[in-house]
Amino acid sequence: MRNLKRILLAVLILVLVMAVLAFVLDNQQSVSLLFLGWAGPQLPVSVVLVLALLIGMLIGPVLGWFLGRTSRTNRKRLD
């Protein structure tokens, strides 16, 4: 059973890597983002989307931790 879980995990990771590789290879067009007058460098679409995903993966847990912490302090004040 333990080996089956390892094999399934390895297959899942391999499929995920293949999907990311296919996405990167299919999205090589260069784009430049413009935000509030600031123009970013020209990067492939895949790089922009992967960077946005990674930034979201960093901000999400931090924001969740911060909001959870403030709700705990509010509950303590009510008790």
PDB file of N, CA and C in Angstrom:
ATOM      1  N   MET A   1       0.823  -1.188   0.000  1.00  0.00           N
ATOM      2  CA  MET A   1       0.000   0.000   0.000  1.00  0.00           C
ATOM      3  C   MET A   1       0.868   1.253   0.000  1.00  0.00           C
ATOM      4  N   ARG A   2       1.943   1.221   0.753  1.00  0.00           N
ATOM      5  CA  ARG A   2       2.835   2.365   0.838  1.00  0.00           C
ATOM      6  C   ARG A   2       3.500   2.634  -0.508  1.00  0.00           C
ATOM      7  N   ASN A   3       3.903   1.563  -1.195  1.00  0.00           N
ATOM      8  CA  ASN A   3       4.532   1.711  -2.506  1.00  0.00           C
ATOM      9  C   ASN A   3       3.547   2.235  -3.540  1.00  0.00           C
ATOM     10  N   LEU A   4       2.288   1.813  -3.445  1.00  0.00           N
ATOM     11  CA  LEU A   4       1.267   2.292  -4.370  1.00  0.00           C
ATOM     12  C   LEU A   4       1.077   3.796  -4.233  1.00  0.00           C
ATOM     13  N   LYS A   5       1.060   4.291  -3.001  1.00  0.00           N
ATOM     14  CA  LYS A   5       0.920   5.730  -2.767  1.00  0.00           C
ATOM     15  C   LYS A   5       2.110   6.495  -3.353  1.00  0.00           C
ATOM     16  N   ARG A   6       3.302   5.952  -3.195  1.00  0.00           N
ATOM     17  CA  ARG A   6       4.490   6.599  -3.749  1.00  0.00           C
ATOM     18  C   ARG A   6       4.452   6.627  -5.267  1.00  0.00           C
ATOM     19  N   ILE A   7       4.016   5.527  -5.859  1.00  0.00           N
ATOM     20  CA  ILE A   7       3.926   5.462  -7.320  1.00  0.00           C
ATOM     21  C   ILE A   7       2.882   6.447  -7.832  1.00  0.00           C
ATOM     22  N   LEU A   8       1.728   6.503  -7.178  1.00  0.00           N
ATOM     23  CA  LEU A   8       0.680   7.444  -7.584  1.00  0.00           C
ATOM     24  C   LEU A   8       1.146   8.888  -7.431  1.00  0.00           C
ATOM     25  N   LEU A   9       1.864   9.181  -6.369  1.00  0.00           N
ATOM     26  CA  LEU A   9       2.389  10.526  -6.174  1.00  0.00           C
ATOM     27  C   LEU A   9       3.406  10.877  -7.253  1.00  0.00           C
ATOM     28  N   ALA A  10       4.274   9.936  -7.591  1.00  0.00           N
ATOM     29  CA  ALA A  10       5.269  10.157  -8.640  1.00  0.00           C
ATOM     30  C   ALA A  10       4.594  10.387  -9.989  1.00  0.00           C
ATOM     31  N   VAL A  11       3.563   9.614 -10.288  1.00  0.00           N
ATOM     32  CA  VAL A  11       2.830   9.788 -11.545  1.00  0.00           C
ATOM     33  C   VAL A  11       2.136  11.141 -11.571  1.00  0.00           C
ATOM     34  N   LEU A  12       1.523  11.535 -10.470  1.00  0.00           N
ATOM     35  CA  LEU A  12       0.855  12.832 -10.383  1.00  0.00           C
ATOM     36  C   LEU A  12       1.842  13.975 -10.591  1.00  0.00           C
ATOM     37  N   ILE A  13       2.991  13.888  -9.966  1.00  0.00           N
ATOM     38  CA  ILE A  13       4.015  14.934 -10.128  1.00  0.00           C
ATOM     39  C   ILE A  13       4.514  14.956 -11.565  1.00  0.00           C
ATOM     40  N   LEU A  14       4.704  13.806 -12.168  1.00  0.00           N
ATOM     41  CA  LEU A  14       5.150  13.735 -13.553  1.00  0.00           C
ATOM     42  C   LEU A  14       4.123  14.353 -14.499  1.00  0.00           C
ATOM     43  N   VAL A  15       2.842  14.070 -14.283  1.00  0.00           N
ATOM     44  CA  VAL A  15       1.784  14.662 -15.108  1.00  0.00           C
ATOM     45  C   VAL A  15       1.755  16.175 -14.935  1.00  0.00           C
ATOM     46  N   LEU A  16       1.910  16.648 -13.712  1.00  0.00           N
ATOM     47  CA  LEU A  16       1.927  18.080 -13.453  1.00  0.00           C
ATOM     48  C   LEU A  16       3.112  18.756 -14.137  1.00  0.00           C
ATOM     49  N   VAL A  17       4.274  18.142 -14.069  1.00  0.00           N
ATOM     50  CA  VAL A  17       5.465  18.695 -14.731  1.00  0.00           C
ATOM     51  C   VAL A  17       5.269  18.727 -16.235  1.00  0.00           C
ATOM     52  N   MET A  18       4.694  17.686 -16.795  1.00  0.00           N
ATOM     53  CA  MET A  18       4.442  17.647 -18.235  1.00  0.00           C
ATOM     54  C   MET A  18       3.441  18.724 -18.649  1.00  0.00           C
ATOM     55  N   ALA A  19       2.413  18.951 -17.840  1.00  0.00           N
ATOM     56  CA  ALA A  19       1.426  19.984 -18.160  1.00  0.00           C
ATOM     57  C   ALA A  19       2.063  21.370 -18.117  1.00  0.00           C
ATOM     58  N   VAL A  20       2.883  21.627 -17.113  1.00  0.00           N
ATOM     59  CA  VAL A  20       3.566  22.920 -17.024  1.00  0.00           C
ATOM     60  C   VAL A  20       4.521  23.101 -18.196  1.00  0.00           C
ATOM     61  N   LEU A  21       5.242  22.067 -18.557  1.00  0.00           N
ATOM     62  CA  LEU A  21       6.161  22.137 -19.692  1.00  0.00           C
ATOM     63  C   LEU A  21       5.409  22.418 -20.988  1.00  0.00           C
ATOM     64  N   ALA A  22       4.293  21.744 -21.210  1.00  0.00           N
ATOM     65  CA  ALA A  22       3.479  21.991 -22.407  1.00  0.00           C
ATOM     66  C   ALA A  22       2.961  23.423 -22.414  1.00  0.00           C
ATOM     67  N   PHE A  23       2.535  23.933 -21.261  1.00  0.00           N
ATOM     68  CA  PHE A  23       2.050  25.303 -21.159  1.00  0.00           C
ATOM     69  C   PHE A  23       3.149  26.296 -21.502  1.00  0.00           C
ATOM     70  N   VAL A  24       4.331  26.090 -20.964  1.00  0.00           N
ATOM     71  CA  VAL A  24       5.456  27.000 -21.218  1.00  0.00           C
ATOM     72  C   VAL A  24       5.853  26.964 -22.689  1.00  0.00           C
ATOM     73  N   LEU A  25       5.896  25.792 -23.285  1.00  0.00           N
ATOM     74  CA  LEU A  25       6.295  25.689 -24.686  1.00  0.00           C
ATOM     75  C   LEU A  25       5.252  26.270 -25.637  1.00  0.00           C
ATOM     76  N   ASP A  26       3.980  26.234 -25.271  1.00  0.00           N
ATOM     77  CA  ASP A  26       2.924  26.769 -26.131  1.00  0.00           C
ATOM     78  C   ASP A  26       2.722  28.277 -25.982  1.00  0.00           C
ATOM     79  N   ASN A  27       3.268  28.894 -24.954  1.00  0.00           N
ATOM     80  CA  ASN A  27       3.032  30.318 -24.699  1.00  0.00           C
ATOM     81  C   ASN A  27       4.346  31.087 -24.672  1.00  0.00           C
ATOM     82  N   GLN A  28       4.974  31.183 -25.813  1.00  0.00           N
ATOM     83  CA  GLN A  28       6.260  31.878 -25.912  1.00  0.00           C
ATOM     84  C   GLN A  28       6.134  33.309 -26.438  1.00  0.00           C
ATOM     85  N   GLN A  29       4.928  33.790 -26.727  1.00  0.00           N
ATOM     86  CA  GLN A  29       4.762  35.151 -27.203  1.00  0.00           C
ATOM     87  C   GLN A  29       5.168  36.134 -26.106  1.00  0.00           C
ATOM     88  N   SER A  30       5.881  37.180 -26.502  1.00  0.00           N
ATOM     89  CA  SER A  30       6.314  38.173 -25.523  1.00  0.00           C
ATOM     90  C   SER A  30       5.221  39.213 -25.305  1.00  0.00           C
ATOM     91  N   VAL A  31       5.049  39.600 -24.066  1.00  0.00           N
ATOM     92  CA  VAL A  31       4.092  40.647 -23.705  1.00  0.00           C
ATOM     93  C   VAL A  31       4.773  41.594 -22.728  1.00  0.00           C
ATOM     94  N   SER A  32       4.281  42.814 -22.700  1.00  0.00           N
ATOM     95  CA  SER A  32       4.747  43.800 -21.728  1.00  0.00           C
ATOM     96  C   SER A  32       3.533  44.289 -20.963  1.00  0.00           C
ATOM     97  N   LEU A  33       3.575  44.205 -19.660  1.00  0.00           N
ATOM     98  CA  LEU A  33       2.447  44.639 -18.845  1.00  0.00           C
ATOM     99  C   LEU A  33       2.573  46.118 -18.523  1.00  0.00           C
ATOM    100  N   LEU A  34       1.443  46.816 -18.535  1.00  0.00           N
ATOM    101  CA  LEU A  34       1.388  48.231 -18.197  1.00  0.00           C
ATOM    102  C   LEU A  34       0.446  48.374 -17.012  1.00  0.00           C
ATOM    103  N   PHE A  35       0.958  48.901 -15.909  1.00  0.00           N
ATOM    104  CA  PHE A  35       0.161  49.049 -14.693  1.00  0.00           C
ATOM    105  C   PHE A  35       0.496  50.376 -14.040  1.00  0.00           C
ATOM    106  N   LEU A  36      -0.513  51.243 -13.952  1.00  0.00           N
ATOM    107  CA  LEU A  36      -0.371  52.571 -13.342  1.00  0.00           C
ATOM    108  C   LEU A  36       0.818  53.350 -13.907  1.00  0.00           C
ATOM    109  N   GLY A  37       0.984  53.292 -15.214  1.00  0.00           N
ATOM    110  CA  GLY A  37       2.049  54.030 -15.863  1.00  0.00           C
ATOM    111  C   GLY A  37       3.402  53.345 -15.851  1.00  0.00           C
ATOM    112  N   TRP A  38       3.502  52.220 -15.159  1.00  0.00           N
ATOM    113  CA  TRP A  38       4.766  51.487 -15.115  1.00  0.00           C
ATOM    114  C   TRP A  38       4.699  50.356 -16.125  1.00  0.00           C
ATOM    115  N   ALA A  39       5.661  50.324 -17.027  1.00  0.00           N
ATOM    116  CA  ALA A  39       5.704  49.275 -18.046  1.00  0.00           C
ATOM    117  C   ALA A  39       6.764  48.254 -17.647  1.00  0.00           C
ATOM    118  N   GLY A  40       6.372  47.022 -17.598  1.00  0.00           N
ATOM    119  CA  GLY A  40       7.295  45.959 -17.248  1.00  0.00           C
ATOM    120  C   GLY A  40       8.090  45.518 -18.462  1.00  0.00           C
ATOM    121  N   PRO A  41       9.112  44.714 -18.244  1.00  0.00           N
ATOM    122  CA  PRO A  41       9.913  44.210 -19.365  1.00  0.00           C
ATOM    123  C   PRO A  41       9.096  43.217 -20.205  1.00  0.00           C
ATOM    124  N   GLN A  42       9.501  43.030 -21.432  1.00  0.00           N
ATOM    125  CA  GLN A  42       8.819  42.060 -22.280  1.00  0.00           C
ATOM    126  C   GLN A  42       9.252  40.657 -21.878  1.00  0.00           C
ATOM    127  N   LEU A  43       8.280  39.873 -21.463  1.00  0.00           N
ATOM    128  CA  LEU A  43       8.505  38.491 -21.032  1.00  0.00           C
ATOM    129  C   LEU A  43       7.507  37.587 -21.741  1.00  0.00           C
ATOM    130  N   PRO A  44       7.825  36.313 -21.882  1.00  0.00           N
ATOM    131  CA  PRO A  44       6.832  35.382 -22.436  1.00  0.00           C
ATOM    132  C   PRO A  44       5.599  35.297 -21.547  1.00  0.00           C
ATOM    133  N   VAL A  45       4.454  35.030 -22.154  1.00  0.00           N
ATOM    134  CA  VAL A  45       3.191  34.938 -21.419  1.00  0.00           C
ATOM    135  C   VAL A  45       3.288  33.901 -20.309  1.00  0.00           C
ATOM    136  N   SER A  46       3.929  32.792 -20.581  1.00  0.00           N
ATOM    137  CA  SER A  46       4.024  31.732 -19.584  1.00  0.00           C
ATOM    138  C   SER A  46       4.788  32.195 -18.347  1.00  0.00           C
ATOM    139  N   VAL A  47       5.825  32.990 -18.530  1.00  0.00           N
ATOM    140  CA  VAL A  47       6.600  33.490 -17.387  1.00  0.00           C
ATOM    141  C   VAL A  47       5.740  34.433 -16.553  1.00  0.00           C
ATOM    142  N   VAL A  48       4.992  35.296 -17.212  1.00  0.00           N
ATOM    143  CA  VAL A  48       4.122  36.239 -16.494  1.00  0.00           C
ATOM    144  C   VAL A  48       3.083  35.481 -15.673  1.00  0.00           C
ATOM    145  N   LEU A  49       2.454  34.471 -16.270  1.00  0.00           N
ATOM    146  CA  LEU A  49       1.426  33.723 -15.548  1.00  0.00           C
ATOM    147  C   LEU A  49       2.002  32.883 -14.414  1.00  0.00           C
ATOM    148  N   VAL A  50       3.146  32.277 -14.623  1.00  0.00           N
ATOM    149  CA  VAL A  50       3.766  31.485 -13.551  1.00  0.00           C
ATOM    150  C   VAL A  50       4.196  32.396 -12.401  1.00  0.00           C
ATOM    151  N   LEU A  51       4.733  33.579 -12.717  1.00  0.00           N
ATOM    152  CA  LEU A  51       5.086  34.529 -11.655  1.00  0.00           C
ATOM    153  C   LEU A  51       3.853  34.979 -10.886  1.00  0.00           C
ATOM    154  N   ALA A  52       2.754  35.240 -11.587  1.00  0.00           N
ATOM    155  CA  ALA A  52       1.510  35.626 -10.911  1.00  0.00           C
ATOM    156  C   ALA A  52       1.016  34.500 -10.006  1.00  0.00           C
ATOM    157  N   LEU A  53       1.120  33.262 -10.471  1.00  0.00           N
ATOM    158  CA  LEU A  53       0.723  32.116  -9.657  1.00  0.00           C
ATOM    159  C   LEU A  53       1.580  32.003  -8.401  1.00  0.00           C
ATOM    160  N   LEU A  54       2.890  32.132  -8.547  1.00  0.00           N
ATOM    161  CA  LEU A  54       3.788  32.018  -7.399  1.00  0.00           C
ATOM    162  C   LEU A  54       3.564  33.149  -6.396  1.00  0.00           C
ATOM    163  N   ILE A  55       3.348  34.365  -6.894  1.00  0.00           N
ATOM    164  CA  ILE A  55       3.083  35.487  -5.990  1.00  0.00           C
ATOM    165  C   ILE A  55       1.776  35.257  -5.236  1.00  0.00           C
ATOM    166  N   GLY A  56       0.766  34.756  -5.934  1.00  0.00           N
ATOM    167  CA  GLY A  56      -0.502  34.439  -5.275  1.00  0.00           C
ATOM    168  C   GLY A  56      -0.358  33.344  -4.240  1.00  0.00           C
ATOM    169  N   MET A  57       0.500  32.359  -4.537  1.00  0.00           N
ATOM    170  CA  MET A  57       0.722  31.276  -3.579  1.00  0.00           C
ATOM    171  C   MET A  57       1.462  31.769  -2.341  1.00  0.00           C
ATOM    172  N   LEU A  58       2.210  32.842  -2.463  1.00  0.00           N
ATOM    173  CA  LEU A  58       2.883  33.420  -1.304  1.00  0.00           C
ATOM    174  C   LEU A  58       1.959  34.355  -0.527  1.00  0.00           C
ATOM    175  N   ILE A  59       1.193  35.175  -1.236  1.00  0.00           N
ATOM    176  CA  ILE A  59       0.334  36.162  -0.582  1.00  0.00           C
ATOM    177  C   ILE A  59      -0.865  35.495   0.092  1.00  0.00           C
ATOM    178  N   GLY A  60      -1.440  34.460  -0.532  1.00  0.00           N
ATOM    179  CA  GLY A  60      -2.628  33.805   0.006  1.00  0.00           C
ATOM    180  C   GLY A  60      -2.466  33.294   1.426  1.00  0.00           C
ATOM    181  N   PRO A  61      -1.474  32.461   1.701  1.00  0.00           N
ATOM    182  CA  PRO A  61      -1.314  31.970   3.077  1.00  0.00           C
ATOM    183  C   PRO A  61      -0.986  33.072   4.083  1.00  0.00           C
ATOM    184  N   VAL A  62      -0.205  34.061   3.666  1.00  0.00           N
ATOM    185  CA  VAL A  62       0.121  35.161   4.575  1.00  0.00           C
ATOM    186  C   VAL A  62      -1.139  35.933   4.922  1.00  0.00           C
ATOM    187  N   LEU A  63      -1.972  36.216   3.911  1.00  0.00           N
ATOM    188  CA  LEU A  63      -3.225  36.924   4.155  1.00  0.00           C
ATOM    189  C   LEU A  63      -4.165  36.089   5.013  1.00  0.00           C
ATOM    190  N   GLY A  64      -4.239  34.786   4.754  1.00  0.00           N
ATOM    191  CA  GLY A  64      -5.069  33.905   5.576  1.00  0.00           C
ATOM    192  C   GLY A  64      -4.601  33.858   7.016  1.00  0.00           C
ATOM    193  N   TRP A  65      -3.305  33.805   7.220  1.00  0.00           N
ATOM    194  CA  TRP A  65      -2.756  33.807   8.581  1.00  0.00           C
ATOM    195  C   TRP A  65      -3.087  35.119   9.285  1.00  0.00           C
ATOM    196  N   PHE A  66      -2.926  36.232   8.564  1.00  0.00           N
ATOM    197  CA  PHE A  66      -3.187  37.542   9.158  1.00  0.00           C
ATOM    198  C   PHE A  66      -4.662  37.696   9.518  1.00  0.00           C
ATOM    199  N   LEU A  67      -5.555  37.304   8.626  1.00  0.00           N
ATOM    200  CA  LEU A  67      -6.985  37.420   8.905  1.00  0.00           C
ATOM    201  C   LEU A  67      -7.409  36.463  10.014  1.00  0.00           C
ATOM    202  N   GLY A  68      -6.838  35.272  10.057  1.00  0.00           N
ATOM    203  CA  GLY A  68      -7.145  34.338  11.136  1.00  0.00           C
ATOM    204  C   GLY A  68      -6.681  34.862  12.474  1.00  0.00           C
ATOM    205  N   ARG A  69      -5.539  35.529  12.454  1.00  0.00           N
ATOM    206  CA  ARG A  69      -4.989  36.086  13.693  1.00  0.00           C
ATOM    207  C   ARG A  69      -5.864  37.221  14.217  1.00  0.00           C
ATOM    208  N   THR A  70      -6.337  38.092  13.318  1.00  0.00           N
ATOM    209  CA  THR A  70      -7.179  39.199  13.761  1.00  0.00           C
ATOM    210  C   THR A  70      -8.532  38.704  14.245  1.00  0.00           C
ATOM    211  N   SER A  71      -9.087  37.643  13.638  1.00  0.00           N
ATOM    212  CA  SER A  71     -10.377  37.134  14.107  1.00  0.00           C
ATOM    213  C   SER A  71     -10.227  36.485  15.482  1.00  0.00           C
ATOM    214  N   ARG A  72      -9.067  35.841  15.736  1.00  0.00           N
ATOM    215  CA  ARG A  72      -8.841  35.250  17.061  1.00  0.00           C
ATOM    216  C   ARG A  72      -8.751  36.331  18.133  1.00  0.00           C
ATOM    217  N   THR A  73      -8.092  37.452  17.810  1.00  0.00           N
ATOM    218  CA  THR A  73      -7.994  38.519  18.810  1.00  0.00           C
ATOM    219  C   THR A  73      -9.352  39.162  19.051  1.00  0.00           C
ATOM    220  N   ASN A  74     -10.190  39.259  18.002  1.00  0.00           N
ATOM    221  CA  ASN A  74     -11.527  39.808  18.181  1.00  0.00           C
ATOM    222  C   ASN A  74     -12.389  38.882  19.046  1.00  0.00           C
ATOM    223  N   ARG A  75     -12.244  37.563  18.875  1.00  0.00           N
ATOM    224  CA  ARG A  75     -13.005  36.630  19.705  1.00  0.00           C
ATOM    225  C   ARG A  75     -12.570  36.701  21.156  1.00  0.00           C
ATOM    226  N   LYS A  76     -11.268  36.890  21.400  1.00  0.00           N
ATOM    227  CA  LYS A  76     -10.776  36.990  22.771  1.00  0.00           C
ATOM    228  C   LYS A  76     -11.329  38.232  23.447  1.00  0.00           C
ATOM    229  N   ARG A  77     -11.459  39.321  22.687  1.00  0.00           N
ATOM    230  CA  ARG A  77     -12.013  40.547  23.263  1.00  0.00           C
ATOM    231  C   ARG A  77     -13.472  40.388  23.628  1.00  0.00           C
ATOM    232  N   LEU A  78     -14.224  39.599  22.865  1.00  0.00           N
ATOM    233  CA  LEU A  78     -15.643  39.406  23.135  1.00  0.00           C
ATOM    234  C   LEU A  78     -15.880  38.505  24.337  1.00  0.00           C
ATOM    235  N   ASP A  79     -14.930  37.629  24.660  1.00  0.00           N
ATOM    236  CA  ASP A  79     -15.115  36.682  25.794  1.00  0.00           C
ATOM    237  C   ASP A  79     -14.929  37.336  27.113  1.00  0.00           C
TER     238      ASP A  79
END
